[in-house]
């Protein structure tokens, strides 16, 4: 898309939108996103300061703990409540740690693209390299899982002006980089193609809460429950999405997983909760928009994919 002062979508106050309904009359679509990432010891992690040195054994090994141990605690906890994760997956991990992919497949988790590794962000790519990163990410995940991802979360949530077009070129149906709503909405490119923006979160995110703001595990669990209470009440009028973003090296450690388990137990005792994956939410949203008059839609509806 061309540079612009506002996003590729109209401003849409939530109070002016048509009612959004979830399956079974659910108030909340519960969407849990484990970020399963690959960090090469040979590269400086994306977003680190200029003074970072390699190898950084302390930082690297902490993250490797998540892939060796923590991710399997998350799998066990989500499975306990019959929740399928929607994984933001660095595609290089497929070949490096295939056991994670195997276990995720057993649990019928969904995979969405999350760059090739977390050491290379789209806005740090060389000219012309971004499109190749997106293509490689989708192709690699499809090769190892048998399914082409339908969603995308950029490493560091960083995009360029061209990122959304590259995603649509590769058949992507939804993107989670834009944390500005509690409901899905559509973004329209300059050529008329569209992609769904899914309500990811920087608030209910263990990285921002625990690692950056030093919130305790119990504090993070309380944040989850408090947010759920508000969205559940509001969702009685029009459905909401509740995203919870996780990183195995943070929430997957022994002294935090219990608090997260307790938060899920609290949520799942409520009857009007739809435990969904990203593509299920996006497609249900699009199906509803098909039946809503164009004048009342939060964004003009056009089929994703295929240039006009």
C-alpha atoms as a PDB file:
ATOM      1  CA  UNK A   1       0.000   0.000   0.000  1.00  0.00           C
ATOM      2  CA  UNK A   2       1.027   3.578  -0.464  1.00  0.00           C
ATOM      3  CA  UNK A   3       2.229   5.539   2.590  1.00  0.00           C
ATOM      4  CA  UNK A   4      -0.705   7.089   4.411  1.00  0.00           C
ATOM      5  CA  UNK A   5      -1.527   8.889   7.649  1.00  0.00           C
ATOM      6  CA  UNK A   6      -4.126   6.315   8.766  1.00  0.00           C
ATOM      7  CA  UNK A   7      -4.426   2.567   8.238  1.00  0.00           C
ATOM      8  CA  UNK A   8      -5.908   0.922   5.117  1.00  0.00           C
ATOM      9  CA  UNK A   9      -9.377   0.909   6.655  1.00  0.00           C
ATOM     10  CA  UNK A  10     -11.992   3.483   7.698  1.00  0.00           C
ATOM     11  CA  UNK A  11     -12.281   4.613  11.302  1.00  0.00           C
ATOM     12  CA  UNK A  12     -15.054   2.451  12.785  1.00  0.00           C
ATOM     13  CA  UNK A  13     -16.345   3.141  16.326  1.00  0.00           C
ATOM     14  CA  UNK A  14     -17.366  -0.164  17.884  1.00  0.00           C
ATOM     15  CA  UNK A  15     -20.653   1.364  19.081  1.00  0.00           C
ATOM     16  CA  UNK A  16     -21.745   1.956  15.463  1.00  0.00           C
ATOM     17  CA  UNK A  17     -21.187  -1.568  14.120  1.00  0.00           C
ATOM     18  CA  UNK A  18     -23.730  -4.304  13.439  1.00  0.00           C
ATOM     19  CA  UNK A  19     -23.999  -7.048  16.047  1.00  0.00           C
ATOM     20  CA  UNK A  20     -21.275  -9.682  15.730  1.00  0.00           C
ATOM     21  CA  UNK A  21     -22.428 -13.170  16.668  1.00  0.00           C
ATOM     22  CA  UNK A  22     -20.236 -16.153  17.504  1.00  0.00           C
ATOM     23  CA  UNK A  23     -21.245 -19.845  17.238  1.00  0.00           C
ATOM     24  CA  UNK A  24     -23.605 -21.011  19.958  1.00  0.00           C
ATOM     25  CA  UNK A  25     -24.311 -17.448  21.014  1.00  0.00           C
ATOM     26  CA  UNK A  26     -20.873 -17.146  22.607  1.00  0.00           C
ATOM     27  CA  UNK A  27     -19.961 -13.782  24.070  1.00  0.00           C
ATOM     28  CA  UNK A  28     -16.213 -14.241  23.633  1.00  0.00           C
ATOM     29  CA  UNK A  29     -14.025 -15.992  21.072  1.00  0.00           C
ATOM     30  CA  UNK A  30     -11.023 -17.192  23.070  1.00  0.00           C
ATOM     31  CA  UNK A  31      -7.916 -17.059  20.857  1.00  0.00           C
ATOM     32  CA  UNK A  32      -4.611 -18.210  22.328  1.00  0.00           C
ATOM     33  CA  UNK A  33      -1.406 -17.549  20.396  1.00  0.00           C
ATOM     34  CA  UNK A  34       1.793 -19.308  21.499  1.00  0.00           C
ATOM     35  CA  UNK A  35       4.775 -17.597  19.846  1.00  0.00           C
ATOM     36  CA  UNK A  36       7.134 -20.463  19.032  1.00  0.00           C
ATOM     37  CA  UNK A  37      10.306 -18.866  17.805  1.00  0.00           C
ATOM     38  CA  UNK A  38      13.751 -19.722  16.535  1.00  0.00           C
ATOM     39  CA  UNK A  39      16.790 -17.644  17.451  1.00  0.00           C
ATOM     40  CA  UNK A  40      20.078 -18.349  15.724  1.00  0.00           C
ATOM     41  CA  UNK A  41      23.134 -18.024  17.955  1.00  0.00           C
ATOM     42  CA  UNK A  42      24.901 -16.596  14.903  1.00  0.00           C
ATOM     43  CA  UNK A  43      22.661 -13.532  14.651  1.00  0.00           C
ATOM     44  CA  UNK A  44      21.695 -10.680  16.937  1.00  0.00           C
ATOM     45  CA  UNK A  45      18.018 -11.007  17.871  1.00  0.00           C
ATOM     46  CA  UNK A  46      15.808  -8.507  16.061  1.00  0.00           C
ATOM     47  CA  UNK A  47      15.045  -5.378  18.023  1.00  0.00           C
ATOM     48  CA  UNK A  48      18.073  -5.650  20.303  1.00  0.00           C
ATOM     49  CA  UNK A  49      20.253  -2.628  20.915  1.00  0.00           C
ATOM     50  CA  UNK A  50      23.294  -1.902  18.791  1.00  0.00           C
ATOM     51  CA  UNK A  51      25.567  -2.957  21.624  1.00  0.00           C
ATOM     52  CA  UNK A  52      24.281  -6.547  21.756  1.00  0.00           C
ATOM     53  CA  UNK A  53      27.024  -9.123  21.160  1.00  0.00           C
ATOM     54  CA  UNK A  54      26.946 -12.636  19.748  1.00  0.00           C
ATOM     55  CA  UNK A  55      26.897 -15.244  21.000  1.00  0.00           C
ATOM     56  CA  UNK A  56      24.690 -14.083  23.848  1.00  0.00           C
ATOM     57  CA  UNK A  57      24.514 -17.348  25.757  1.00  0.00           C
ATOM     58  CA  UNK A  58      22.386 -15.984  28.599  1.00  0.00           C
ATOM     59  CA  UNK A  59      19.596 -14.592  26.414  1.00  0.00           C
ATOM     60  CA  UNK A  60      19.746 -17.390  23.859  1.00  0.00           C
ATOM     61  CA  UNK A  61      19.628 -20.227  26.378  1.00  0.00           C
ATOM     62  CA  UNK A  62      16.674 -18.672  28.199  1.00  0.00           C
ATOM     63  CA  UNK A  63      14.708 -18.770  24.956  1.00  0.00           C
ATOM     64  CA  UNK A  64      15.926 -22.252  24.118  1.00  0.00           C
ATOM     65  CA  UNK A  65      14.427 -23.436  27.408  1.00  0.00           C
ATOM     66  CA  UNK A  66      11.045 -22.513  25.988  1.00  0.00           C
ATOM     67  CA  UNK A  67      11.538 -24.814  22.991  1.00  0.00           C
ATOM     68  CA  UNK A  68      13.036 -27.677  25.014  1.00  0.00           C
ATOM     69  CA  UNK A  69      10.654 -27.611  27.988  1.00  0.00           C
ATOM     70  CA  UNK A  70       8.207 -24.717  28.276  1.00  0.00           C
ATOM     71  CA  UNK A  71       6.254 -25.296  25.063  1.00  0.00           C
ATOM     72  CA  UNK A  72       5.257 -28.787  26.176  1.00  0.00           C
ATOM     73  CA  UNK A  73       3.864 -27.410  29.437  1.00  0.00           C
ATOM     74  CA  UNK A  74       1.751 -24.999  27.403  1.00  0.00           C
ATOM     75  CA  UNK A  75       0.552 -27.841  25.182  1.00  0.00           C
ATOM     76  CA  UNK A  76      -0.482 -29.906  28.195  1.00  0.00           C
ATOM     77  CA  UNK A  77      -2.268 -26.958  29.819  1.00  0.00           C
ATOM     78  CA  UNK A  78      -4.226 -25.942  26.721  1.00  0.00           C
ATOM     79  CA  UNK A  79      -5.171 -29.536  25.975  1.00  0.00           C
ATOM     80  CA  UNK A  80      -6.526 -29.871  29.525  1.00  0.00           C
ATOM     81  CA  UNK A  81      -9.180 -27.285  28.595  1.00  0.00           C
ATOM     82  CA  UNK A  82      -9.690 -28.497  25.016  1.00  0.00           C
ATOM     83  CA  UNK A  83      -8.094 -25.364  23.574  1.00  0.00           C
ATOM     84  CA  UNK A  84      -6.177 -25.471  20.298  1.00  0.00           C
ATOM     85  CA  UNK A  85      -3.372 -22.970  19.997  1.00  0.00           C
ATOM     86  CA  UNK A  86      -2.823 -20.769  16.959  1.00  0.00           C
ATOM     87  CA  UNK A  87       0.962 -20.749  16.760  1.00  0.00           C
ATOM     88  CA  UNK A  88       2.937 -17.762  15.527  1.00  0.00           C
ATOM     89  CA  UNK A  89       5.714 -19.905  14.068  1.00  0.00           C
ATOM     90  CA  UNK A  90       9.201 -18.992  12.895  1.00  0.00           C
ATOM     91  CA  UNK A  91       9.483 -21.304   9.891  1.00  0.00           C
ATOM     92  CA  UNK A  92      13.154 -22.179  10.540  1.00  0.00           C
ATOM     93  CA  UNK A  93      12.002 -24.009  13.639  1.00  0.00           C
ATOM     94  CA  UNK A  94      10.293 -26.649  11.466  1.00  0.00           C
ATOM     95  CA  UNK A  95      13.610 -28.219  10.470  1.00  0.00           C
ATOM     96  CA  UNK A  96      15.494 -27.356  13.652  1.00  0.00           C
ATOM     97  CA  UNK A  97      12.934 -28.643  16.181  1.00  0.00           C
ATOM     98  CA  UNK A  98      10.524 -30.966  14.322  1.00  0.00           C
ATOM     99  CA  UNK A  99       9.261 -32.610  17.529  1.00  0.00           C
ATOM    100  CA  UNK A 100       7.429 -29.402  18.385  1.00  0.00           C
ATOM    101  CA  UNK A 101       5.670 -29.524  15.026  1.00  0.00           C
ATOM    102  CA  UNK A 102       4.810 -33.202  15.504  1.00  0.00           C
ATOM    103  CA  UNK A 103       3.241 -32.593  18.905  1.00  0.00           C
ATOM    104  CA  UNK A 104       1.372 -29.525  17.688  1.00  0.00           C
ATOM    105  CA  UNK A 105      -0.055 -31.539  14.806  1.00  0.00           C
ATOM    106  CA  UNK A 106      -1.303 -34.191  17.235  1.00  0.00           C
ATOM    107  CA  UNK A 107      -3.186 -31.479  19.092  1.00  0.00           C
ATOM    108  CA  UNK A 108      -4.588 -30.036  15.839  1.00  0.00           C
ATOM    109  CA  UNK A 109      -2.984 -26.669  16.497  1.00  0.00           C
ATOM    110  CA  UNK A 110      -3.078 -24.033  13.775  1.00  0.00           C
ATOM    111  CA  UNK A 111       0.148 -22.575  12.358  1.00  0.00           C
ATOM    112  CA  UNK A 112       0.521 -19.017  11.148  1.00  0.00           C
ATOM    113  CA  UNK A 113       3.585 -17.401   9.633  1.00  0.00           C
ATOM    114  CA  UNK A 114       5.912 -15.454  11.933  1.00  0.00           C
ATOM    115  CA  UNK A 115       8.928 -14.793   9.670  1.00  0.00           C
ATOM    116  CA  UNK A 116      11.715 -17.321   9.138  1.00  0.00           C
ATOM    117  CA  UNK A 117      13.386 -16.544  12.460  1.00  0.00           C
ATOM    118  CA  UNK A 118      13.059 -13.970  15.193  1.00  0.00           C
ATOM    119  CA  UNK A 119      16.458 -12.538  14.346  1.00  0.00           C
ATOM    120  CA  UNK A 120      15.203 -10.984  11.079  1.00  0.00           C
ATOM    121  CA  UNK A 121      12.285  -8.551  11.041  1.00  0.00           C
ATOM    122  CA  UNK A 122      10.506  -7.382   7.910  1.00  0.00           C
ATOM    123  CA  UNK A 123      11.392  -3.737   8.473  1.00  0.00           C
ATOM    124  CA  UNK A 124      15.057  -4.725   8.834  1.00  0.00           C
ATOM    125  CA  UNK A 125      15.196  -6.663   5.545  1.00  0.00           C
ATOM    126  CA  UNK A 126      17.292  -5.514   2.625  1.00  0.00           C
ATOM    127  CA  UNK A 127      15.458  -4.022  -0.393  1.00  0.00           C
ATOM    128  CA  UNK A 128      13.681  -6.799  -2.277  1.00  0.00           C
ATOM    129  CA  UNK A 129      14.269  -9.326   0.509  1.00  0.00           C
ATOM    130  CA  UNK A 130      10.936  -8.931   2.297  1.00  0.00           C
ATOM    131  CA  UNK A 131       8.864 -10.695  -0.355  1.00  0.00           C
ATOM    132  CA  UNK A 132      11.239 -13.671  -0.272  1.00  0.00           C
ATOM    133  CA  UNK A 133      11.023 -13.920   3.523  1.00  0.00           C
ATOM    134  CA  UNK A 134       7.231 -14.074   3.337  1.00  0.00           C
ATOM    135  CA  UNK A 135       7.288 -16.668   0.519  1.00  0.00           C
ATOM    136  CA  UNK A 136       9.846 -18.830   2.284  1.00  0.00           C
ATOM    137  CA  UNK A 137       7.957 -18.715   5.571  1.00  0.00           C
ATOM    138  CA  UNK A 138       4.690 -19.914   4.072  1.00  0.00           C
ATOM    139  CA  UNK A 139       6.355 -22.525   1.853  1.00  0.00           C
ATOM    140  CA  UNK A 140       8.424 -24.024   4.673  1.00  0.00           C
ATOM    141  CA  UNK A 141       5.505 -24.337   7.080  1.00  0.00           C
ATOM    142  CA  UNK A 142       3.388 -25.910   4.351  1.00  0.00           C
ATOM    143  CA  UNK A 143       6.172 -28.382   3.560  1.00  0.00           C
ATOM    144  CA  UNK A 144       6.460 -29.549   7.159  1.00  0.00           C
ATOM    145  CA  UNK A 145       2.781 -29.509   8.175  1.00  0.00           C
ATOM    146  CA  UNK A 146       1.010 -30.240   4.904  1.00  0.00           C
ATOM    147  CA  UNK A 147      -1.105 -27.109   5.329  1.00  0.00           C
ATOM    148  CA  UNK A 148      -0.469 -23.610   4.035  1.00  0.00           C
ATOM    149  CA  UNK A 149      -0.861 -21.039   6.816  1.00  0.00           C
ATOM    150  CA  UNK A 150      -3.875 -18.755   6.594  1.00  0.00           C
ATOM    151  CA  UNK A 151      -2.599 -16.216   9.108  1.00  0.00           C
ATOM    152  CA  UNK A 152       0.446 -14.096   9.849  1.00  0.00           C
ATOM    153  CA  UNK A 153       2.061 -12.328  12.798  1.00  0.00           C
ATOM    154  CA  UNK A 154       5.203 -10.384  11.922  1.00  0.00           C
ATOM    155  CA  UNK A 155       8.240 -10.820  14.151  1.00  0.00           C
ATOM    156  CA  UNK A 156       8.148  -7.860  16.512  1.00  0.00           C
ATOM    157  CA  UNK A 157       4.797  -6.922  14.878  1.00  0.00           C
ATOM    158  CA  UNK A 158       6.885  -4.872  12.444  1.00  0.00           C
ATOM    159  CA  UNK A 159       5.740  -4.271   8.854  1.00  0.00           C
ATOM    160  CA  UNK A 160       6.726  -2.141   5.891  1.00  0.00           C
ATOM    161  CA  UNK A 161       4.363  -0.374   3.499  1.00  0.00           C
ATOM    162  CA  UNK A 162       4.549  -3.480   1.286  1.00  0.00           C
ATOM    163  CA  UNK A 163       3.998  -6.209   3.882  1.00  0.00           C
ATOM    164  CA  UNK A 164       0.230  -6.605   3.554  1.00  0.00           C
ATOM    165  CA  UNK A 165       0.465  -6.879  -0.234  1.00  0.00           C
ATOM    166  CA  UNK A 166       3.115  -9.600   0.098  1.00  0.00           C
ATOM    167  CA  UNK A 167       0.884 -11.498   2.522  1.00  0.00           C
ATOM    168  CA  UNK A 168      -2.125 -11.362   0.211  1.00  0.00           C
ATOM    169  CA  UNK A 169       0.093 -12.439  -2.705  1.00  0.00           C
ATOM    170  CA  UNK A 170       0.792 -15.621  -0.730  1.00  0.00           C
ATOM    171  CA  UNK A 171      -2.830 -16.427   0.052  1.00  0.00           C
ATOM    172  CA  UNK A 172      -2.858 -15.074   3.594  1.00  0.00           C
ATOM    173  CA  UNK A 173      -6.374 -14.503   4.944  1.00  0.00           C
ATOM    174  CA  UNK A 174      -5.667 -12.678   8.204  1.00  0.00           C
ATOM    175  CA  UNK A 175      -2.906 -10.706   9.886  1.00  0.00           C
ATOM    176  CA  UNK A 176      -2.423 -10.064  13.607  1.00  0.00           C
ATOM    177  CA  UNK A 177       0.011  -7.125  13.692  1.00  0.00           C
ATOM    178  CA  UNK A 178      -2.588  -4.402  14.259  1.00  0.00           C
ATOM    179  CA  UNK A 179      -3.571  -4.339  17.950  1.00  0.00           C
ATOM    180  CA  UNK A 180      -6.314  -1.724  17.715  1.00  0.00           C
ATOM    181  CA  UNK A 181      -9.637  -3.509  18.242  1.00  0.00           C
ATOM    182  CA  UNK A 182     -11.613  -6.190  20.098  1.00  0.00           C
ATOM    183  CA  UNK A 183     -13.238  -7.469  16.893  1.00  0.00           C
ATOM    184  CA  UNK A 184     -11.896  -8.493  13.484  1.00  0.00           C
ATOM    185  CA  UNK A 185     -12.163  -6.009  10.625  1.00  0.00           C
ATOM    186  CA  UNK A 186     -11.075  -5.783   7.005  1.00  0.00           C
ATOM    187  CA  UNK A 187      -8.198  -3.841   5.522  1.00  0.00           C
ATOM    188  CA  UNK A 188      -8.346  -2.833   1.868  1.00  0.00           C
ATOM    189  CA  UNK A 189      -5.263  -2.458  -0.298  1.00  0.00           C
ATOM    190  CA  UNK A 190      -4.797   0.124  -3.044  1.00  0.00           C
ATOM    191  CA  UNK A 191      -5.803  -2.441  -5.690  1.00  0.00           C
ATOM    192  CA  UNK A 192      -9.010  -3.419  -3.850  1.00  0.00           C
ATOM    193  CA  UNK A 193      -7.805  -6.688  -2.338  1.00  0.00           C
ATOM    194  CA  UNK A 194      -8.598  -7.268   1.329  1.00  0.00           C
ATOM    195  CA  UNK A 195      -7.220  -9.058   4.358  1.00  0.00           C
ATOM    196  CA  UNK A 196      -8.749  -9.503   7.816  1.00  0.00           C
ATOM    197  CA  UNK A 197      -7.097  -7.803  10.773  1.00  0.00           C
ATOM    198  CA  UNK A 198      -7.327 -10.067  13.820  1.00  0.00           C
ATOM    199  CA  UNK A 199      -7.293  -8.527  17.335  1.00  0.00           C
ATOM    200  CA  UNK A 200      -3.916  -9.631  18.673  1.00  0.00           C
ATOM    201  CA  UNK A 201      -2.751  -8.177  21.982  1.00  0.00           C
ATOM    202  CA  UNK A 202       0.201  -6.372  23.454  1.00  0.00           C
ATOM    203  CA  UNK A 203      -1.553  -6.189  26.832  1.00  0.00           C
ATOM    204  CA  UNK A 204      -2.401  -9.832  27.571  1.00  0.00           C
ATOM    205  CA  UNK A 205       1.030 -10.775  26.331  1.00  0.00           C
ATOM    206  CA  UNK A 206       3.502 -12.393  28.695  1.00  0.00           C
ATOM    207  CA  UNK A 207       6.412 -10.698  26.939  1.00  0.00           C
ATOM    208  CA  UNK A 208       5.161  -7.161  27.493  1.00  0.00           C
ATOM    209  CA  UNK A 209       3.585  -7.867  30.891  1.00  0.00           C
ATOM    210  CA  UNK A 210       6.120 -10.179  32.534  1.00  0.00           C
ATOM    211  CA  UNK A 211       9.378  -9.432  30.746  1.00  0.00           C
ATOM    212  CA  UNK A 212       9.000  -5.690  30.176  1.00  0.00           C
ATOM    213  CA  UNK A 213       6.721  -4.538  33.001  1.00  0.00           C
ATOM    214  CA  UNK A 214       7.769  -7.165  35.572  1.00  0.00           C
ATOM    215  CA  UNK A 215       4.209  -8.289  36.304  1.00  0.00           C
ATOM    216  CA  UNK A 216       4.094 -11.424  38.468  1.00  0.00           C
ATOM    217  CA  UNK A 217       2.542 -14.677  37.219  1.00  0.00           C
ATOM    218  CA  UNK A 218      -0.395 -14.092  39.561  1.00  0.00           C
ATOM    219  CA  UNK A 219      -0.680 -10.515  38.326  1.00  0.00           C
ATOM    220  CA  UNK A 220      -0.729 -11.712  34.722  1.00  0.00           C
ATOM    221  CA  UNK A 221      -3.440 -14.249  35.552  1.00  0.00           C
ATOM    222  CA  UNK A 222      -5.499 -11.508  37.195  1.00  0.00           C
ATOM    223  CA  UNK A 223      -5.100  -9.352  34.088  1.00  0.00           C
ATOM    224  CA  UNK A 224      -6.454 -12.240  32.007  1.00  0.00           C
ATOM    225  CA  UNK A 225      -9.469 -12.740  34.283  1.00  0.00           C
ATOM    226  CA  UNK A 226     -10.221  -9.017  34.586  1.00  0.00           C
ATOM    227  CA  UNK A 227     -10.089  -8.561  30.816  1.00  0.00           C
ATOM    228  CA  UNK A 228     -12.297 -11.596  30.313  1.00  0.00           C
ATOM    229  CA  UNK A 229     -14.939 -10.253  32.707  1.00  0.00           C
ATOM    230  CA  UNK A 230     -15.275  -7.006  30.744  1.00  0.00           C
ATOM    231  CA  UNK A 231     -15.278  -8.650  27.306  1.00  0.00           C
ATOM    232  CA  UNK A 232     -17.735 -11.338  28.439  1.00  0.00           C
ATOM    233  CA  UNK A 233     -20.173  -8.657  29.619  1.00  0.00           C
ATOM    234  CA  UNK A 234     -19.766  -6.568  26.459  1.00  0.00           C
ATOM    235  CA  UNK A 235     -19.958  -9.673  24.291  1.00  0.00           C
ATOM    236  CA  UNK A 236     -23.552 -10.253  25.322  1.00  0.00           C
ATOM    237  CA  UNK A 237     -24.418  -7.330  23.023  1.00  0.00           C
ATOM    238  CA  UNK A 238     -21.852  -8.000  20.283  1.00  0.00           C
ATOM    239  CA  UNK A 239     -19.174 -10.683  20.201  1.00  0.00           C
ATOM    240  CA  UNK A 240     -15.612  -9.946  21.238  1.00  0.00           C
ATOM    241  CA  UNK A 241     -12.253 -11.630  20.626  1.00  0.00           C
ATOM    242  CA  UNK A 242     -10.018 -12.272  23.617  1.00  0.00           C
ATOM    243  CA  UNK A 243      -6.458 -12.898  22.512  1.00  0.00           C
ATOM    244  CA  UNK A 244      -3.789 -14.183  24.885  1.00  0.00           C
ATOM    245  CA  UNK A 245      -0.218 -14.119  23.559  1.00  0.00           C
ATOM    246  CA  UNK A 246       2.291 -16.512  25.086  1.00  0.00           C
ATOM    247  CA  UNK A 247       6.010 -17.223  24.854  1.00  0.00           C
ATOM    248  CA  UNK A 248       7.138 -20.655  26.093  1.00  0.00           C
ATOM    249  CA  UNK A 249      10.274 -19.335  27.799  1.00  0.00           C
ATOM    250  CA  UNK A 250       8.123 -17.016  29.920  1.00  0.00           C
ATOM    251  CA  UNK A 251       4.755 -18.567  30.780  1.00  0.00           C
ATOM    252  CA  UNK A 252       6.113 -22.102  30.346  1.00  0.00           C
ATOM    253  CA  UNK A 253       8.428 -22.006  33.373  1.00  0.00           C
ATOM    254  CA  UNK A 254       7.406 -24.018  36.463  1.00  0.00           C
ATOM    255  CA  UNK A 255       6.577 -21.079  38.723  1.00  0.00           C
ATOM    256  CA  UNK A 256       4.234 -19.397  36.195  1.00  0.00           C
ATOM    257  CA  UNK A 257       2.315 -22.177  34.454  1.00  0.00           C
ATOM    258  CA  UNK A 258       0.057 -22.807  37.449  1.00  0.00           C
ATOM    259  CA  UNK A 259      -1.233 -19.236  37.488  1.00  0.00           C
ATOM    260  CA  UNK A 260      -1.975 -19.437  33.775  1.00  0.00           C
ATOM    261  CA  UNK A 261      -3.789 -22.742  34.317  1.00  0.00           C
ATOM    262  CA  UNK A 262      -5.945 -21.098  36.990  1.00  0.00           C
ATOM    263  CA  UNK A 263      -6.868 -18.246  34.633  1.00  0.00           C
ATOM    264  CA  UNK A 264      -7.975 -20.698  31.942  1.00  0.00           C
ATOM    265  CA  UNK A 265     -10.001 -22.640  34.497  1.00  0.00           C
ATOM    266  CA  UNK A 266     -11.819 -19.436  35.411  1.00  0.00           C
ATOM    267  CA  UNK A 267     -12.576 -18.579  31.769  1.00  0.00           C
ATOM    268  CA  UNK A 268     -13.680 -22.059  30.800  1.00  0.00           C
ATOM    269  CA  UNK A 269     -16.238 -22.377  33.579  1.00  0.00           C
ATOM    270  CA  UNK A 270     -18.301 -19.782  31.681  1.00  0.00           C
ATOM    271  CA  UNK A 271     -20.710 -21.274  29.150  1.00  0.00           C
ATOM    272  CA  UNK A 272     -20.647 -18.596  26.461  1.00  0.00           C
ATOM    273  CA  UNK A 273     -17.015 -19.011  25.390  1.00  0.00           C
ATOM    274  CA  UNK A 274     -15.998 -20.148  21.904  1.00  0.00           C
ATOM    275  CA  UNK A 275     -12.522 -21.730  21.932  1.00  0.00           C
ATOM    276  CA  UNK A 276     -11.347 -20.948  18.430  1.00  0.00           C
ATOM    277  CA  UNK A 277      -8.350 -20.722  16.140  1.00  0.00           C
ATOM    278  CA  UNK A 278      -7.442 -17.654  14.141  1.00  0.00           C
ATOM    279  CA  UNK A 279      -8.765 -18.941  10.834  1.00  0.00           C
ATOM    280  CA  UNK A 280     -12.040 -20.067  12.439  1.00  0.00           C
ATOM    281  CA  UNK A 281     -12.608 -16.577  13.836  1.00  0.00           C
ATOM    282  CA  UNK A 282     -11.639 -14.807  10.603  1.00  0.00           C
ATOM    283  CA  UNK A 283     -13.829 -17.004   8.419  1.00  0.00           C
ATOM    284  CA  UNK A 284     -16.813 -16.761  10.742  1.00  0.00           C
ATOM    285  CA  UNK A 285     -16.453 -12.988  10.728  1.00  0.00           C
ATOM    286  CA  UNK A 286     -16.317 -12.887   6.907  1.00  0.00           C
ATOM    287  CA  UNK A 287     -19.344 -15.176   6.633  1.00  0.00           C
ATOM    288  CA  UNK A 288     -21.343 -12.765   8.801  1.00  0.00           C
ATOM    289  CA  UNK A 289     -20.248  -9.770   6.761  1.00  0.00           C
ATOM    290  CA  UNK A 290     -21.635 -11.491   3.655  1.00  0.00           C
ATOM    291  CA  UNK A 291     -25.107 -11.038   5.114  1.00  0.00           C
ATOM    292  CA  UNK A 292     -24.667  -7.452   6.311  1.00  0.00           C
ATOM    293  CA  UNK A 293     -25.667  -4.579   3.998  1.00  0.00           C
ATOM    294  CA  UNK A 294     -22.563  -2.910   2.605  1.00  0.00           C
ATOM    295  CA  UNK A 295     -23.542   0.452   4.077  1.00  0.00           C
ATOM    296  CA  UNK A 296     -23.456  -1.045   7.579  1.00  0.00           C
ATOM    297  CA  UNK A 297     -20.190  -2.955   7.272  1.00  0.00           C
ATOM    298  CA  UNK A 298     -17.196  -1.641   9.231  1.00  0.00           C
ATOM    299  CA  UNK A 299     -15.131  -1.959   6.042  1.00  0.00           C
ATOM    300  CA  UNK A 300     -16.031  -2.565   2.432  1.00  0.00           C
ATOM    301  CA  UNK A 301     -16.150  -6.287   1.700  1.00  0.00           C
ATOM    302  CA  UNK A 302     -14.111  -7.734  -1.128  1.00  0.00           C
ATOM    303  CA  UNK A 303     -12.790 -11.244  -1.529  1.00  0.00           C
ATOM    304  CA  UNK A 304      -9.241 -11.752  -0.304  1.00  0.00           C
ATOM    305  CA  UNK A 305      -6.717 -12.774  -2.949  1.00  0.00           C
ATOM    306  CA  UNK A 306      -6.747 -12.083  -6.655  1.00  0.00           C
ATOM    307  CA  UNK A 307      -5.796  -8.653  -7.926  1.00  0.00           C
ATOM    308  CA  UNK A 308      -8.333  -6.341  -9.515  1.00  0.00           C
END
